[in-house]
């Protein structure tokens, strides 16, 4: 192989390695973002359920007002 072919092959291999590393990073950060998004959605669901329960209790007079009657 000529030196020109070796240089071309080395550049080609380097380009492939860089693309593989870049794709790995994209996949890693996508998974990390997806995990964080799932955690936030779970917390939002819990907050929504608590707010709904508070609203239900406050509209019905609540637990303490039913005891005092």
N, C-alpha and C. Protein backbone atom coordinates (compact mmCIF):
# COMPACT_ATOMS: atom_id res chain seq x y z
N UNK A 1 0.84 -1.19 0.00
CA UNK A 1 0.00 0.00 0.00
C UNK A 1 0.88 1.24 0.00
N UNK A 2 0.43 2.22 -0.71
CA UNK A 2 1.18 3.46 -0.79
C UNK A 2 0.90 4.32 0.44
N UNK A 3 1.78 5.25 0.74
CA UNK A 3 1.56 6.14 1.89
C UNK A 3 0.25 6.93 1.78
N UNK A 4 -0.14 7.27 0.56
CA UNK A 4 -1.40 8.00 0.37
C UNK A 4 -2.59 7.14 0.75
N UNK A 5 -2.57 5.88 0.40
CA UNK A 5 -3.66 4.96 0.77
C UNK A 5 -3.71 4.74 2.28
N UNK A 6 -2.53 4.67 2.90
CA UNK A 6 -2.48 4.48 4.36
C UNK A 6 -3.08 5.70 5.06
N UNK A 7 -2.72 6.91 4.60
CA UNK A 7 -3.28 8.12 5.18
C UNK A 7 -4.80 8.17 5.01
N UNK A 8 -5.27 7.83 3.81
CA UNK A 8 -6.71 7.82 3.55
C UNK A 8 -7.41 6.80 4.45
N UNK A 9 -6.83 5.61 4.59
CA UNK A 9 -7.41 4.58 5.45
C UNK A 9 -7.44 5.01 6.91
N UNK A 10 -6.37 5.66 7.36
CA UNK A 10 -6.32 6.13 8.75
C UNK A 10 -7.39 7.20 9.00
N UNK A 11 -7.56 8.11 8.04
CA UNK A 11 -8.60 9.14 8.18
C UNK A 11 -9.99 8.50 8.21
N UNK A 12 -10.20 7.51 7.37
CA UNK A 12 -11.49 6.83 7.29
C UNK A 12 -11.80 6.10 8.59
N UNK A 13 -10.81 5.39 9.13
CA UNK A 13 -10.99 4.67 10.40
C UNK A 13 -11.24 5.66 11.54
N UNK A 14 -10.51 6.76 11.56
CA UNK A 14 -10.71 7.78 12.59
C UNK A 14 -12.11 8.36 12.51
N UNK A 15 -12.58 8.63 11.31
CA UNK A 15 -13.93 9.15 11.13
C UNK A 15 -14.98 8.17 11.64
N UNK A 16 -14.81 6.90 11.36
CA UNK A 16 -15.74 5.87 11.84
C UNK A 16 -15.74 5.82 13.37
N UNK A 17 -14.56 5.83 13.97
CA UNK A 17 -14.46 5.78 15.44
C UNK A 17 -15.13 7.01 16.06
N UNK A 18 -14.89 8.18 15.51
CA UNK A 18 -15.51 9.41 16.04
C UNK A 18 -17.03 9.35 15.94
N UNK A 19 -17.55 8.83 14.83
CA UNK A 19 -19.00 8.72 14.67
C UNK A 19 -19.60 7.74 15.66
N UNK A 20 -18.91 6.63 15.90
CA UNK A 20 -19.40 5.65 16.87
C UNK A 20 -19.44 6.27 18.27
N UNK A 21 -18.39 6.98 18.64
CA UNK A 21 -18.34 7.63 19.96
C UNK A 21 -19.45 8.68 20.06
N UNK A 22 -19.66 9.45 19.02
CA UNK A 22 -20.71 10.48 19.03
C UNK A 22 -22.09 9.83 19.17
N UNK A 23 -22.34 8.76 18.45
CA UNK A 23 -23.62 8.07 18.56
C UNK A 23 -23.83 7.50 19.95
N UNK A 24 -22.76 6.98 20.56
CA UNK A 24 -22.87 6.47 21.93
C UNK A 24 -23.27 7.58 22.88
N UNK A 25 -22.65 8.76 22.74
CA UNK A 25 -22.98 9.88 23.62
C UNK A 25 -24.43 10.34 23.43
N UNK A 26 -24.88 10.38 22.19
CA UNK A 26 -26.28 10.76 21.92
C UNK A 26 -27.21 9.76 22.59
N UNK A 27 -26.94 8.47 22.45
CA UNK A 27 -27.77 7.43 23.06
C UNK A 27 -27.75 7.54 24.58
N UNK A 28 -26.56 7.74 25.16
CA UNK A 28 -26.42 7.84 26.62
C UNK A 28 -27.23 9.01 27.17
N UNK A 29 -27.10 10.18 26.55
CA UNK A 29 -27.82 11.36 27.04
C UNK A 29 -29.32 11.24 26.79
N UNK A 30 -29.71 10.56 25.71
CA UNK A 30 -31.13 10.32 25.46
C UNK A 30 -31.72 9.47 26.57
N UNK A 31 -31.03 8.39 26.94
CA UNK A 31 -31.51 7.51 28.01
C UNK A 31 -31.56 8.25 29.34
N UNK A 32 -30.54 9.05 29.62
CA UNK A 32 -30.50 9.81 30.88
C UNK A 32 -31.65 10.81 30.93
N UNK A 33 -31.89 11.50 29.82
CA UNK A 33 -32.98 12.46 29.74
C UNK A 33 -34.33 11.76 29.90
N UNK A 34 -34.47 10.60 29.28
CA UNK A 34 -35.71 9.84 29.38
C UNK A 34 -35.97 9.42 30.83
N UNK A 35 -34.93 9.00 31.53
CA UNK A 35 -35.08 8.60 32.94
C UNK A 35 -35.51 9.80 33.79
N UNK A 36 -34.87 10.95 33.58
CA UNK A 36 -35.24 12.16 34.34
C UNK A 36 -36.67 12.59 34.04
N UNK A 37 -37.06 12.50 32.76
CA UNK A 37 -38.42 12.86 32.38
C UNK A 37 -39.44 11.95 33.06
N UNK A 38 -39.15 10.65 33.13
CA UNK A 38 -40.04 9.71 33.80
C UNK A 38 -40.16 10.02 35.28
N UNK A 39 -39.05 10.38 35.92
CA UNK A 39 -39.08 10.74 37.34
C UNK A 39 -39.93 11.99 37.58
N UNK A 40 -39.78 12.99 36.73
CA UNK A 40 -40.55 14.22 36.86
C UNK A 40 -42.03 13.95 36.65
N UNK A 41 -42.36 13.12 35.67
CA UNK A 41 -43.76 12.80 35.41
C UNK A 41 -44.37 12.06 36.60
N UNK A 42 -43.61 11.17 37.22
CA UNK A 42 -44.10 10.45 38.40
C UNK A 42 -44.36 11.41 39.56
N UNK A 43 -43.44 12.35 39.77
CA UNK A 43 -43.63 13.34 40.84
C UNK A 43 -44.83 14.24 40.54
N UNK A 44 -45.00 14.64 39.28
CA UNK A 44 -46.15 15.46 38.91
C UNK A 44 -47.45 14.71 39.15
N UNK A 45 -47.45 13.42 38.88
CA UNK A 45 -48.65 12.60 39.09
C UNK A 45 -48.99 12.56 40.58
N UNK A 46 -47.99 12.39 41.43
CA UNK A 46 -48.22 12.36 42.88
C UNK A 46 -48.75 13.70 43.36
N UNK A 47 -48.16 14.79 42.88
CA UNK A 47 -48.62 16.13 43.27
C UNK A 47 -50.06 16.36 42.82
N UNK A 48 -50.38 15.94 41.61
CA UNK A 48 -51.74 16.10 41.09
C UNK A 48 -52.74 15.33 41.95
N UNK A 49 -52.39 14.09 42.32
CA UNK A 49 -53.29 13.29 43.16
C UNK A 49 -53.48 13.92 44.53
N UNK A 50 -52.41 14.47 45.11
CA UNK A 50 -52.52 15.14 46.41
C UNK A 50 -53.40 16.39 46.31
N UNK A 51 -53.22 17.17 45.25
CA UNK A 51 -54.03 18.37 45.07
C UNK A 51 -55.50 18.01 44.88
N UNK A 52 -55.75 16.94 44.14
CA UNK A 52 -57.12 16.49 43.93
C UNK A 52 -57.75 16.05 45.25
N UNK A 53 -56.99 15.35 46.08
CA UNK A 53 -57.48 14.92 47.38
C UNK A 53 -57.75 16.11 48.29
N UNK A 54 -56.86 17.09 48.29
CA UNK A 54 -57.05 18.30 49.10
C UNK A 54 -58.29 19.05 48.64
N UNK A 55 -58.47 19.16 47.34
CA UNK A 55 -59.65 19.86 46.82
C UNK A 55 -60.92 19.11 47.20
N UNK A 56 -60.89 17.79 47.13
CA UNK A 56 -62.05 16.99 47.49
C UNK A 56 -62.38 17.16 48.97
N UNK A 57 -61.35 17.12 49.82
CA UNK A 57 -61.58 17.28 51.25
C UNK A 57 -62.07 18.69 51.59
N UNK A 58 -61.53 19.69 50.93
CA UNK A 58 -61.94 21.06 51.24
C UNK A 58 -63.35 21.34 50.73
N UNK A 59 -63.75 20.72 49.63
CA UNK A 59 -65.10 20.97 49.11
C UNK A 59 -66.16 20.23 49.92
N UNK A 60 -65.78 19.11 50.54
CA UNK A 60 -66.76 18.36 51.33
C UNK A 60 -66.75 18.79 52.79
N UNK A 61 -65.99 19.78 53.13
CA UNK A 61 -65.94 20.25 54.51
C UNK A 61 -64.76 19.69 55.26
N UNK A 62 -64.12 18.69 54.73
CA UNK A 62 -62.92 18.14 55.35
C UNK A 62 -63.20 17.19 56.48
N UNK A 63 -62.20 16.56 56.94
CA UNK A 63 -62.28 15.57 58.01
C UNK A 63 -62.60 16.21 59.35
N UNK A 64 -61.93 17.32 59.65
CA UNK A 64 -62.08 17.95 60.96
C UNK A 64 -63.46 18.59 61.13
N UNK A 65 -64.01 19.14 60.06
CA UNK A 65 -65.33 19.76 60.20
C UNK A 65 -66.41 18.71 60.41
N UNK A 66 -66.22 17.50 59.89
CA UNK A 66 -67.22 16.45 60.10
C UNK A 66 -67.15 15.92 61.52
N UNK A 67 -66.00 16.00 62.17
CA UNK A 67 -65.86 15.54 63.55
C UNK A 67 -66.50 16.55 64.50
N UNK A 68 -66.34 17.83 64.23
CA UNK A 68 -66.82 18.86 65.14
C UNK A 68 -68.34 19.01 65.12
N UNK A 69 -69.01 18.44 64.14
CA UNK A 69 -70.48 18.58 64.05
C UNK A 69 -71.18 17.69 65.02
